[in-house]
Amino acid sequence: IIKAIRTPAITYPIKIRNDTLNRTSGIPEGLAISNSLANIYLSS
């Protein structure tokens, strides 16, 4: 899980690395686990 949410992304089609997405915070949208983790975060 940690590896999945911390994996960086590269813009497309420009393909410029976005260092802000080197995932020290936040979770990426569009993954199968994204909504599940977001719901766990707000479950309390």
ModelCIF file with pLDDT and N, C-alpha, C, O atoms, coordinates in Angstrom:
data_MODEL
#
_entry.id   MODEL 
#
_entity.id                         1 
_entity.type                       polymer 
_entity.pdbx_number_of_molecules   1 
#
_entity_poly.entity_id                      1 
_entity_poly.type                           'polypeptide(L)' 
_entity_poly.nstd_linkage                   no 
_entity_poly.nstd_monomer                   no 
_entity_poly.pdbx_seq_one_letter_code       IIKAIRTPAITYPIKIRNDTLNRTSGIPEGLAISNSLANIYLSS 
_entity_poly.pdbx_seq_one_letter_code_can   IIKAIRTPAITYPIKIRNDTLNRTSGIPEGLAISNSLANIYLSS 
_entity_poly.pdbx_strand_id                 A 
#
loop_
_entity_poly_seq.entity_id 
_entity_poly_seq.num 
_entity_poly_seq.mon_id 
_entity_poly_seq.hetero 
1 1  ILE n 
1 2  ILE n 
1 3  LYS n 
1 4  ALA n 
1 5  ILE n 
1 6  ARG n 
1 7  THR n 
1 8  PRO n 
1 9  ALA n 
1 10 ILE n 
1 11 THR n 
1 12 TYR n 
1 13 PRO n 
1 14 ILE n 
1 15 LYS n 
1 16 ILE n 
1 17 ARG n 
1 18 ASN n 
1 19 ASP n 
1 20 THR n 
1 21 LEU n 
1 22 ASN n 
1 23 ARG n 
1 24 THR n 
1 25 SER n 
1 26 GLY n 
1 27 ILE n 
1 28 PRO n 
1 29 GLU n 
1 30 GLY n 
1 31 LEU n 
1 32 ALA n 
1 33 ILE n 
1 34 SER n 
1 35 ASN n 
1 36 SER n 
1 37 LEU n 
1 38 ALA n 
1 39 ASN n 
1 40 ILE n 
1 41 TYR n 
1 42 LEU n 
1 43 SER n 
1 44 SER n 
#
_struct_asym.id          A 
_struct_asym.entity_id   1 
#
loop_
_ma_qa_metric.id 
_ma_qa_metric.mode 
_ma_qa_metric.name 
_ma_qa_metric.software_group_id 
_ma_qa_metric.type 
1 global pLDDT . pLDDT 
2 local  pLDDT . pLDDT 
#
_ma_qa_metric_global.metric_id      1 
_ma_qa_metric_global.metric_value   82.45 
_ma_qa_metric_global.model_id       1 
_ma_qa_metric_global.ordinal_id     1 
#
loop_
_ma_qa_metric_local.label_asym_id 
_ma_qa_metric_local.label_comp_id 
_ma_qa_metric_local.label_seq_id 
_ma_qa_metric_local.metric_id 
_ma_qa_metric_local.metric_value 
_ma_qa_metric_local.model_id 
_ma_qa_metric_local.ordinal_id 
A ILE 1  2 97.00 1 1  
A ILE 2  2 96.00 1 2  
A LYS 3  2 96.00 1 3  
A ALA 4  2 96.00 1 4  
A ILE 5  2 96.00 1 5  
A ARG 6  2 95.00 1 6  
A THR 7  2 95.00 1 7  
A PRO 8  2 93.00 1 8  
A ALA 9  2 91.00 1 9  
A ILE 10 2 88.00 1 10 
A THR 11 2 81.00 1 11 
A TYR 12 2 66.00 1 12 
A PRO 13 2 63.00 1 13 
A ILE 14 2 58.00 1 14 
A LYS 15 2 51.00 1 15 
A ILE 16 2 51.00 1 16 
A ARG 17 2 51.00 1 17 
A ASN 18 2 49.00 1 18 
A ASP 19 2 45.00 1 19 
A THR 20 2 45.00 1 20 
A LEU 21 2 47.00 1 21 
A ASN 22 2 54.00 1 22 
A ARG 23 2 60.00 1 23 
A THR 24 2 70.00 1 24 
A SER 25 2 83.00 1 25 
A GLY 26 2 92.00 1 26 
A ILE 27 2 94.00 1 27 
A PRO 28 2 94.00 1 28 
A GLU 29 2 92.00 1 29 
A GLY 30 2 91.00 1 30 
A LEU 31 2 95.00 1 31 
A ALA 32 2 95.00 1 32 
A ILE 33 2 97.00 1 33 
A SER 34 2 96.00 1 34 
A ASN 35 2 96.00 1 35 
A SER 36 2 97.00 1 36 
A LEU 37 2 97.00 1 37 
A ALA 38 2 97.00 1 38 
A ASN 39 2 97.00 1 39 
A ILE 40 2 97.00 1 40 
A TYR 41 2 97.00 1 41 
A LEU 42 2 97.00 1 42 
A SER 43 2 96.00 1 43 
A SER 44 2 94.00 1 44 
#
loop_
_atom_site.group_PDB 
_atom_site.id 
_atom_site.type_symbol 
_atom_site.label_atom_id 
_atom_site.label_alt_id 
_atom_site.label_comp_id 
_atom_site.label_asym_id 
_atom_site.label_entity_id 
_atom_site.label_seq_id 
_atom_site.pdbx_PDB_ins_code 
_atom_site.Cartn_x 
_atom_site.Cartn_y 
_atom_site.Cartn_z 
_atom_site.occupancy 
_atom_site.B_iso_or_equiv 
_atom_site.pdbx_formal_charge 
_atom_site.auth_seq_id 
_atom_site.auth_comp_id 
_atom_site.auth_asym_id 
_atom_site.auth_atom_id 
_atom_site.pdbx_PDB_model_num 
ATOM 1   N N  . ILE A 1 1  ? 0.835   -1.200 0.000   1.00 97.00 ? 1  ILE A N  1 
ATOM 2   C CA . ILE A 1 1  ? 0.000   0.000  0.000   1.00 97.00 ? 1  ILE A CA 1 
ATOM 3   C C  . ILE A 1 1  ? 0.873   1.254  0.000   1.00 97.00 ? 1  ILE A C  1 
ATOM 4   O O  . ILE A 1 1  ? 0.642   2.183  -0.774  1.00 97.00 ? 1  ILE A O  1 
ATOM 5   N N  . ILE A 1 2  ? 1.871   1.269  0.872   1.00 96.00 ? 2  ILE A N  1 
ATOM 6   C CA . ILE A 1 2  ? 2.758   2.432  0.980   1.00 96.00 ? 2  ILE A CA 1 
ATOM 7   C C  . ILE A 1 2  ? 3.483   2.691  -0.339  1.00 96.00 ? 2  ILE A C  1 
ATOM 8   O O  . ILE A 1 2  ? 3.582   3.834  -0.785  1.00 96.00 ? 2  ILE A O  1 
ATOM 9   N N  . LYS A 1 3  ? 3.987   1.630  -0.959  1.00 96.00 ? 3  LYS A N  1 
ATOM 10  C CA . LYS A 1 3  ? 4.676   1.782  -2.242  1.00 96.00 ? 3  LYS A CA 1 
ATOM 11  C C  . LYS A 1 3  ? 3.723   2.328  -3.308  1.00 96.00 ? 3  LYS A C  1 
ATOM 12  O O  . LYS A 1 3  ? 4.107   3.174  -4.115  1.00 96.00 ? 3  LYS A O  1 
ATOM 13  N N  . ALA A 1 4  ? 2.490   1.844  -3.305  1.00 96.00 ? 4  ALA A N  1 
ATOM 14  C CA . ALA A 1 4  ? 1.507   2.268  -4.308  1.00 96.00 ? 4  ALA A CA 1 
ATOM 15  C C  . ALA A 1 4  ? 1.179   3.752  -4.192  1.00 96.00 ? 4  ALA A C  1 
ATOM 16  O O  . ALA A 1 4  ? 1.070   4.441  -5.206  1.00 96.00 ? 4  ALA A O  1 
ATOM 17  N N  . ILE A 1 5  ? 1.020   4.249  -2.972  1.00 96.00 ? 5  ILE A N  1 
ATOM 18  C CA . ILE A 1 5  ? 0.635   5.655  -2.801  1.00 96.00 ? 5  ILE A CA 1 
ATOM 19  C C  . ILE A 1 5  ? 1.820   6.605  -2.889  1.00 96.00 ? 5  ILE A C  1 
ATOM 20  O O  . ILE A 1 5  ? 1.631   7.809  -3.064  1.00 96.00 ? 5  ILE A O  1 
ATOM 21  N N  . ARG A 1 6  ? 3.032   6.087  -2.770  1.00 95.00 ? 6  ARG A N  1 
ATOM 22  C CA . ARG A 1 6  ? 4.215   6.943  -2.842  1.00 95.00 ? 6  ARG A CA 1 
ATOM 23  C C  . ARG A 1 6  ? 4.904   6.916  -4.196  1.00 95.00 ? 6  ARG A C  1 
ATOM 24  O O  . ARG A 1 6  ? 5.888   7.625  -4.407  1.00 95.00 ? 6  ARG A O  1 
ATOM 25  N N  . THR A 1 7  ? 4.403   6.113  -5.104  1.00 95.00 ? 7  THR A N  1 
ATOM 26  C CA . THR A 1 7  ? 4.988   6.068  -6.441  1.00 95.00 ? 7  THR A CA 1 
ATOM 27  C C  . THR A 1 7  ? 4.724   7.389  -7.160  1.00 95.00 ? 7  THR A C  1 
ATOM 28  O O  . THR A 1 7  ? 3.579   7.837  -7.207  1.00 95.00 ? 7  THR A O  1 
ATOM 29  N N  . PRO A 1 8  ? 5.753   8.023  -7.720  1.00 93.00 ? 8  PRO A N  1 
ATOM 30  C CA . PRO A 1 8  ? 5.573   9.308  -8.408  1.00 93.00 ? 8  PRO A CA 1 
ATOM 31  C C  . PRO A 1 8  ? 4.872   9.136  -9.746  1.00 93.00 ? 8  PRO A C  1 
ATOM 32  O O  . PRO A 1 8  ? 4.735   8.024  -10.256 1.00 93.00 ? 8  PRO A O  1 
ATOM 33  N N  . ALA A 1 9  ? 4.429   10.260 -10.306 1.00 91.00 ? 9  ALA A N  1 
ATOM 34  C CA . ALA A 1 9  ? 3.759   10.259 -11.601 1.00 91.00 ? 9  ALA A CA 1 
ATOM 35  C C  . ALA A 1 9  ? 4.490   11.175 -12.564 1.00 91.00 ? 9  ALA A C  1 
ATOM 36  O O  . ALA A 1 9  ? 5.212   12.083 -12.151 1.00 91.00 ? 9  ALA A O  1 
ATOM 37  N N  . ILE A 1 10 ? 4.299   10.932 -13.836 1.00 88.00 ? 10 ILE A N  1 
ATOM 38  C CA . ILE A 1 10 ? 4.877   11.750 -14.893 1.00 88.00 ? 10 ILE A CA 1 
ATOM 39  C C  . ILE A 1 10 ? 3.744   12.241 -15.775 1.00 88.00 ? 10 ILE A C  1 
ATOM 40  O O  . ILE A 1 10 ? 2.905   11.450 -16.206 1.00 88.00 ? 10 ILE A O  1 
ATOM 41  N N  . THR A 1 11 ? 3.710   13.542 -16.047 1.00 81.00 ? 11 THR A N  1 
ATOM 42  C CA . THR A 1 11 ? 2.649   14.110 -16.857 1.00 81.00 ? 11 THR A CA 1 
ATOM 43  C C  . THR A 1 11 ? 2.652   13.523 -18.262 1.00 81.00 ? 11 THR A C  1 
ATOM 44  O O  . THR A 1 11 ? 3.703   13.169 -18.797 1.00 81.00 ? 11 THR A O  1 
ATOM 45  N N  . TYR A 1 12 ? 1.489   13.425 -18.842 1.00 66.00 ? 12 TYR A N  1 
ATOM 46  C CA . TYR A 1 12 ? 1.332   12.848 -20.169 1.00 66.00 ? 12 TYR A CA 1 
ATOM 47  C C  . TYR A 1 12 ? 0.339   13.690 -20.959 1.00 66.00 ? 12 TYR A C  1 
ATOM 48  O O  . TYR A 1 12 ? -0.719  14.046 -20.440 1.00 66.00 ? 12 TYR A O  1 
ATOM 49  N N  . PRO A 1 13 ? 0.670   14.017 -22.227 1.00 63.00 ? 13 PRO A N  1 
ATOM 50  C CA . PRO A 1 13 ? 1.796   13.532 -23.052 1.00 63.00 ? 13 PRO A CA 1 
ATOM 51  C C  . PRO A 1 13 ? 3.074   14.336 -22.927 1.00 63.00 ? 13 PRO A C  1 
ATOM 52  O O  . PRO A 1 13 ? 4.061   14.007 -23.585 1.00 63.00 ? 13 PRO A O  1 
ATOM 53  N N  . ILE A 1 14 ? 3.096   15.378 -22.107 1.00 58.00 ? 14 ILE A N  1 
ATOM 54  C CA . ILE A 1 14 ? 4.284   16.219 -21.997 1.00 58.00 ? 14 ILE A CA 1 
ATOM 55  C C  . ILE A 1 14 ? 5.471   15.438 -21.450 1.00 58.00 ? 14 ILE A C  1 
ATOM 56  O O  . ILE A 1 14 ? 6.614   15.665 -21.847 1.00 58.00 ? 14 ILE A O  1 
ATOM 57  N N  . LYS A 1 15 ? 5.187   14.517 -20.536 1.00 51.00 ? 15 LYS A N  1 
ATOM 58  C CA . LYS A 1 15 ? 6.196   13.648 -19.958 1.00 51.00 ? 15 LYS A CA 1 
ATOM 59  C C  . LYS A 1 15 ? 7.285   14.404 -19.215 1.00 51.00 ? 15 LYS A C  1 
ATOM 60  O O  . LYS A 1 15 ? 8.472   14.109 -19.353 1.00 51.00 ? 15 LYS A O  1 
ATOM 61  N N  . ILE A 1 16 ? 6.866   15.373 -18.432 1.00 51.00 ? 16 ILE A N  1 
ATOM 62  C CA . ILE A 1 16 ? 7.784   16.081 -17.556 1.00 51.00 ? 16 ILE A CA 1 
ATOM 63  C C  . ILE A 1 16 ? 7.549   15.598 -16.135 1.00 51.00 ? 16 ILE A C  1 
ATOM 64  O O  . ILE A 1 16 ? 6.413   15.606 -15.660 1.00 51.00 ? 16 ILE A O  1 
ATOM 65  N N  . ARG A 1 17 ? 8.581   15.188 -15.464 1.00 51.00 ? 17 ARG A N  1 
ATOM 66  C CA . ARG A 1 17 ? 8.437   14.669 -14.130 1.00 51.00 ? 17 ARG A CA 1 
ATOM 67  C C  . ARG A 1 17 ? 7.968   15.748 -13.181 1.00 51.00 ? 17 ARG A C  1 
ATOM 68  O O  . ARG A 1 17 ? 8.524   16.846 -13.138 1.00 51.00 ? 17 ARG A O  1 
ATOM 69  N N  . ASN A 1 18 ? 6.962   15.431 -12.441 1.00 49.00 ? 18 ASN A N  1 
ATOM 70  C CA . ASN A 1 18 ? 6.423   16.346 -11.451 1.00 49.00 ? 18 ASN A CA 1 
ATOM 71  C C  . ASN A 1 18 ? 6.889   15.905 -10.076 1.00 49.00 ? 18 ASN A C  1 
ATOM 72  O O  . ASN A 1 18 ? 6.358   14.948 -9.512  1.00 49.00 ? 18 ASN A O  1 
ATOM 73  N N  . ASP A 1 19 ? 7.877   16.599 -9.538  1.00 45.00 ? 19 ASP A N  1 
ATOM 74  C CA . ASP A 1 19 ? 8.461   16.204 -8.267  1.00 45.00 ? 19 ASP A CA 1 
ATOM 75  C C  . ASP A 1 19 ? 7.490   16.328 -7.105  1.00 45.00 ? 19 ASP A C  1 
ATOM 76  O O  . ASP A 1 19 ? 7.674   15.702 -6.061  1.00 45.00 ? 19 ASP A O  1 
ATOM 77  N N  . THR A 1 20 ? 6.442   17.147 -7.293  1.00 45.00 ? 20 THR A N  1 
ATOM 78  C CA . THR A 1 20 ? 5.456   17.293 -6.226  1.00 45.00 ? 20 THR A CA 1 
ATOM 79  C C  . THR A 1 20 ? 4.652   16.023 -6.040  1.00 45.00 ? 20 THR A C  1 
ATOM 80  O O  . THR A 1 20 ? 3.981   15.836 -5.025  1.00 45.00 ? 20 THR A O  1 
ATOM 81  N N  . LEU A 1 21 ? 4.730   15.164 -7.023  1.00 47.00 ? 21 LEU A N  1 
ATOM 82  C CA . LEU A 1 21 ? 4.000   13.914 -6.926  1.00 47.00 ? 21 LEU A CA 1 
ATOM 83  C C  . LEU A 1 21 ? 4.887   12.766 -6.482  1.00 47.00 ? 21 LEU A C  1 
ATOM 84  O O  . LEU A 1 21 ? 4.566   11.602 -6.723  1.00 47.00 ? 21 LEU A O  1 
ATOM 85  N N  . ASN A 1 22 ? 5.970   13.074 -5.853  1.00 54.00 ? 22 ASN A N  1 
ATOM 86  C CA . ASN A 1 22 ? 6.808   12.037 -5.293  1.00 54.00 ? 22 ASN A CA 1 
ATOM 87  C C  . ASN A 1 22 ? 6.262   11.546 -3.949  1.00 54.00 ? 22 ASN A C  1 
ATOM 88  O O  . ASN A 1 22 ? 6.988   10.972 -3.137  1.00 54.00 ? 22 ASN A O  1 
ATOM 89  N N  . ARG A 1 23 ? 4.996   11.781 -3.742  1.00 60.00 ? 23 ARG A N  1 
ATOM 90  C CA . ARG A 1 23 ? 4.111   11.187 -2.767  1.00 60.00 ? 23 ARG A CA 1 
ATOM 91  C C  . ARG A 1 23 ? 4.605   11.111 -1.343  1.00 60.00 ? 23 ARG A C  1 
ATOM 92  O O  . ARG A 1 23 ? 4.601   10.043 -0.730  1.00 60.00 ? 23 ARG A O  1 
ATOM 93  N N  . THR A 1 24 ? 5.029   12.243 -0.818  1.00 70.00 ? 24 THR A N  1 
ATOM 94  C CA . THR A 1 24 ? 5.256   12.286 0.621   1.00 70.00 ? 24 THR A CA 1 
ATOM 95  C C  . THR A 1 24 ? 3.976   12.679 1.345   1.00 70.00 ? 24 THR A C  1 
ATOM 96  O O  . THR A 1 24 ? 3.865   12.538 2.563   1.00 70.00 ? 24 THR A O  1 
ATOM 97  N N  . SER A 1 25 ? 3.026   13.169 0.584   1.00 83.00 ? 25 SER A N  1 
ATOM 98  C CA . SER A 1 25 ? 1.707   13.487 1.124   1.00 83.00 ? 25 SER A CA 1 
ATOM 99  C C  . SER A 1 25 ? 0.661   13.222 0.060   1.00 83.00 ? 25 SER A C  1 
ATOM 100 O O  . SER A 1 25 ? 0.962   13.183 -1.133  1.00 83.00 ? 25 SER A O  1 
ATOM 101 N N  . GLY A 1 26 ? -0.582  13.038 0.512   1.00 92.00 ? 26 GLY A N  1 
ATOM 102 C CA . GLY A 1 26 ? -1.661  12.766 -0.418  1.00 92.00 ? 26 GLY A CA 1 
ATOM 103 C C  . GLY A 1 26 ? -1.637  11.347 -0.957  1.00 92.00 ? 26 GLY A C  1 
ATOM 104 O O  . GLY A 1 26 ? -0.678  10.602 -0.755  1.00 92.00 ? 26 GLY A O  1 
ATOM 105 N N  . ILE A 1 27 ? -2.704  10.993 -1.641  1.00 94.00 ? 27 ILE A N  1 
ATOM 106 C CA . ILE A 1 27 ? -2.761  9.708  -2.338  1.00 94.00 ? 27 ILE A CA 1 
ATOM 107 C C  . ILE A 1 27 ? -3.191  9.966  -3.777  1.00 94.00 ? 27 ILE A C  1 
ATOM 108 O O  . ILE A 1 27 ? -3.980  10.875 -4.033  1.00 94.00 ? 27 ILE A O  1 
ATOM 109 N N  . PRO A 1 28 ? -2.681  9.177  -4.714  1.00 94.00 ? 28 PRO A N  1 
ATOM 110 C CA . PRO A 1 28 ? -3.013  9.407  -6.120  1.00 94.00 ? 28 PRO A CA 1 
ATOM 111 C C  . PRO A 1 28 ? -4.451  9.025  -6.442  1.00 94.00 ? 28 PRO A C  1 
ATOM 112 O O  . PRO A 1 28 ? -4.964  8.038  -5.914  1.00 94.00 ? 28 PRO A O  1 
ATOM 113 N N  . GLU A 1 29 ? -5.100  9.791  -7.296  1.00 92.00 ? 29 GLU A N  1 
ATOM 114 C CA . GLU A 1 29 ? -6.428  9.449  -7.789  1.00 92.00 ? 29 GLU A CA 1 
ATOM 115 C C  . GLU A 1 29 ? -6.319  8.526  -8.994  1.00 92.00 ? 29 GLU A C  1 
ATOM 116 O O  . GLU A 1 29 ? -5.341  8.564  -9.740  1.00 92.00 ? 29 GLU A O  1 
ATOM 117 N N  . GLY A 1 30 ? -7.321  7.714  -9.165  1.00 91.00 ? 30 GLY A N  1 
ATOM 118 C CA . GLY A 1 30 ? -7.385  6.861  -10.346 1.00 91.00 ? 30 GLY A CA 1 
ATOM 119 C C  . GLY A 1 30 ? -6.967  5.425  -10.120 1.00 91.00 ? 30 GLY A C  1 
ATOM 120 O O  . GLY A 1 30 ? -7.184  4.583  -10.992 1.00 91.00 ? 30 GLY A O  1 
ATOM 121 N N  . LEU A 1 31 ? -6.368  5.114  -8.969  1.00 95.00 ? 31 LEU A N  1 
ATOM 122 C CA . LEU A 1 31 ? -5.989  3.746  -8.658  1.00 95.00 ? 31 LEU A CA 1 
ATOM 123 C C  . LEU A 1 31 ? -7.178  3.006  -8.036  1.00 95.00 ? 31 LEU A C  1 
ATOM 124 O O  . LEU A 1 31 ? -8.079  3.625  -7.471  1.00 95.00 ? 31 LEU A O  1 
ATOM 125 N N  . ALA A 1 32 ? -7.166  1.696  -8.146  1.00 95.00 ? 32 ALA A N  1 
ATOM 126 C CA . ALA A 1 32 ? -8.246  0.885  -7.577  1.00 95.00 ? 32 ALA A CA 1 
ATOM 127 C C  . ALA A 1 32 ? -8.366  1.068  -6.073  1.00 95.00 ? 32 ALA A C  1 
ATOM 128 O O  . ALA A 1 32 ? -9.457  0.930  -5.521  1.00 95.00 ? 32 ALA A O  1 
ATOM 129 N N  . ILE A 1 33 ? -7.259  1.376  -5.399  1.00 97.00 ? 33 ILE A N  1 
ATOM 130 C CA . ILE A 1 33 ? -7.265  1.519  -3.943  1.00 97.00 ? 33 ILE A CA 1 
ATOM 131 C C  . ILE A 1 33 ? -7.573  2.939  -3.477  1.00 97.00 ? 33 ILE A C  1 
ATOM 132 O O  . ILE A 1 33 ? -7.761  3.151  -2.279  1.00 97.00 ? 33 ILE A O  1 
ATOM 133 N N  . SER A 1 34 ? -7.633  3.910  -4.371  1.00 96.00 ? 34 SER A N  1 
ATOM 134 C CA . SER A 1 34 ? -7.735  5.315  -3.979  1.00 96.00 ? 34 SER A CA 1 
ATOM 135 C C  . SER A 1 34 ? -8.966  5.587  -3.135  1.00 96.00 ? 34 SER A C  1 
ATOM 136 O O  . SER A 1 34 ? -8.857  6.146  -2.044  1.00 96.00 ? 34 SER A O  1 
ATOM 137 N N  . ASN A 1 35 ? -10.131 5.200  -3.622  1.00 96.00 ? 35 ASN A N  1 
ATOM 138 C CA . ASN A 1 35 ? -11.369 5.452  -2.886  1.00 96.00 ? 35 ASN A CA 1 
ATOM 139 C C  . ASN A 1 35 ? -11.427 4.681  -1.580  1.00 96.00 ? 35 ASN A C  1 
ATOM 140 O O  . ASN A 1 35 ? -11.917 5.194  -0.574  1.00 96.00 ? 35 ASN A O  1 
ATOM 141 N N  . SER A 1 36 ? -10.930 3.455  -1.592  1.00 97.00 ? 36 SER A N  1 
ATOM 142 C CA . SER A 1 36 ? -10.943 2.635  -0.379  1.00 97.00 ? 36 SER A CA 1 
ATOM 143 C C  . SER A 1 36 ? -10.116 3.284  0.722   1.00 97.00 ? 36 SER A C  1 
ATOM 144 O O  . SER A 1 36 ? -10.553 3.366  1.870   1.00 97.00 ? 36 SER A O  1 
ATOM 145 N N  . LEU A 1 37 ? -8.916  3.745  0.366   1.00 97.00 ? 37 LEU A N  1 
ATOM 146 C CA . LEU A 1 37 ? -8.050  4.386  1.348   1.00 97.00 ? 37 LEU A CA 1 
ATOM 147 C C  . LEU A 1 37 ? -8.637  5.713  1.823   1.00 97.00 ? 37 LEU A C  1 
ATOM 148 O O  . LEU A 1 37 ? -8.538  6.049  3.003   1.00 97.00 ? 37 LEU A O  1 
ATOM 149 N N  . ALA A 1 38 ? -9.243  6.463  0.915   1.00 97.00 ? 38 ALA A N  1 
ATOM 150 C CA . ALA A 1 38 ? -9.870  7.731  1.282   1.00 97.00 ? 38 ALA A CA 1 
ATOM 151 C C  . ALA A 1 38 ? -11.013 7.504  2.277   1.00 97.00 ? 38 ALA A C  1 
ATOM 152 O O  . ALA A 1 38 ? -11.182 8.274  3.223   1.00 97.00 ? 38 ALA A O  1 
ATOM 153 N N  . ASN A 1 39 ? -11.788 6.452  2.059   1.00 97.00 ? 39 ASN A N  1 
ATOM 154 C CA . ASN A 1 39 ? -12.886 6.136  2.975   1.00 97.00 ? 39 ASN A CA 1 
ATOM 155 C C  . ASN A 1 39 ? -12.382 5.685  4.340   1.00 97.00 ? 39 ASN A C  1 
ATOM 156 O O  . ASN A 1 39 ? -12.969 6.023  5.368   1.00 97.00 ? 39 ASN A O  1 
ATOM 157 N N  . ILE A 1 40 ? -11.297 4.923  4.348   1.00 97.00 ? 40 ILE A N  1 
ATOM 158 C CA . ILE A 1 40 ? -10.699 4.514  5.621   1.00 97.00 ? 40 ILE A CA 1 
ATOM 159 C C  . ILE A 1 40 ? -10.215 5.745  6.388   1.00 97.00 ? 40 ILE A C  1 
ATOM 160 O O  . ILE A 1 40 ? -10.347 5.822  7.609   1.00 97.00 ? 40 ILE A O  1 
ATOM 161 N N  . TYR A 1 41 ? -9.657  6.698  5.659   1.00 97.00 ? 41 TYR A N  1 
ATOM 162 C CA . TYR A 1 41 ? -9.141  7.925  6.279   1.00 97.00 ? 41 TYR A CA 1 
ATOM 163 C C  . TYR A 1 41 ? -10.245 8.704  6.989   1.00 97.00 ? 41 TYR A C  1 
ATOM 164 O O  . TYR A 1 41 ? -10.004 9.325  8.025   1.00 97.00 ? 41 TYR A O  1 
ATOM 165 N N  . LEU A 1 42 ? -11.452 8.672  6.432   1.00 97.00 ? 42 LEU A N  1 
ATOM 166 C CA . LEU A 1 42 ? -12.568 9.424  7.001   1.00 97.00 ? 42 LEU A CA 1 
ATOM 167 C C  . LEU A 1 42 ? -13.544 8.547  7.782   1.00 97.00 ? 42 LEU A C  1 
ATOM 168 O O  . LEU A 1 42 ? -14.612 9.014  8.176   1.00 97.00 ? 42 LEU A O  1 
ATOM 169 N N  . SER A 1 43 ? -13.193 7.294  8.007   1.00 96.00 ? 43 SER A N  1 
ATOM 170 C CA . SER A 1 43 ? -14.119 6.372  8.666   1.00 96.00 ? 43 SER A CA 1 
ATOM 171 C C  . SER A 1 43 ? -14.469 6.814  10.085  1.00 96.00 ? 43 SER A C  1 
ATOM 172 O O  . SER A 1 43 ? -15.594 6.602  10.537  1.00 96.00 ? 43 SER A O  1 
ATOM 173 N N  . SER A 1 44 ? -13.517 7.425  10.792  1.00 94.00 ? 44 SER A N  1 
ATOM 174 C CA . SER A 1 44 ? -13.805 7.903  12.151  1.00 94.00 ? 44 SER A CA 1 
ATOM 175 C C  . SER A 1 44 ? -14.837 9.022  12.120  1.00 94.00 ? 44 SER A C  1 
ATOM 176 O O  . SER A 1 44 ? -15.206 9.550  13.169  1.00 94.00 ? 44 SER A O  1 
#
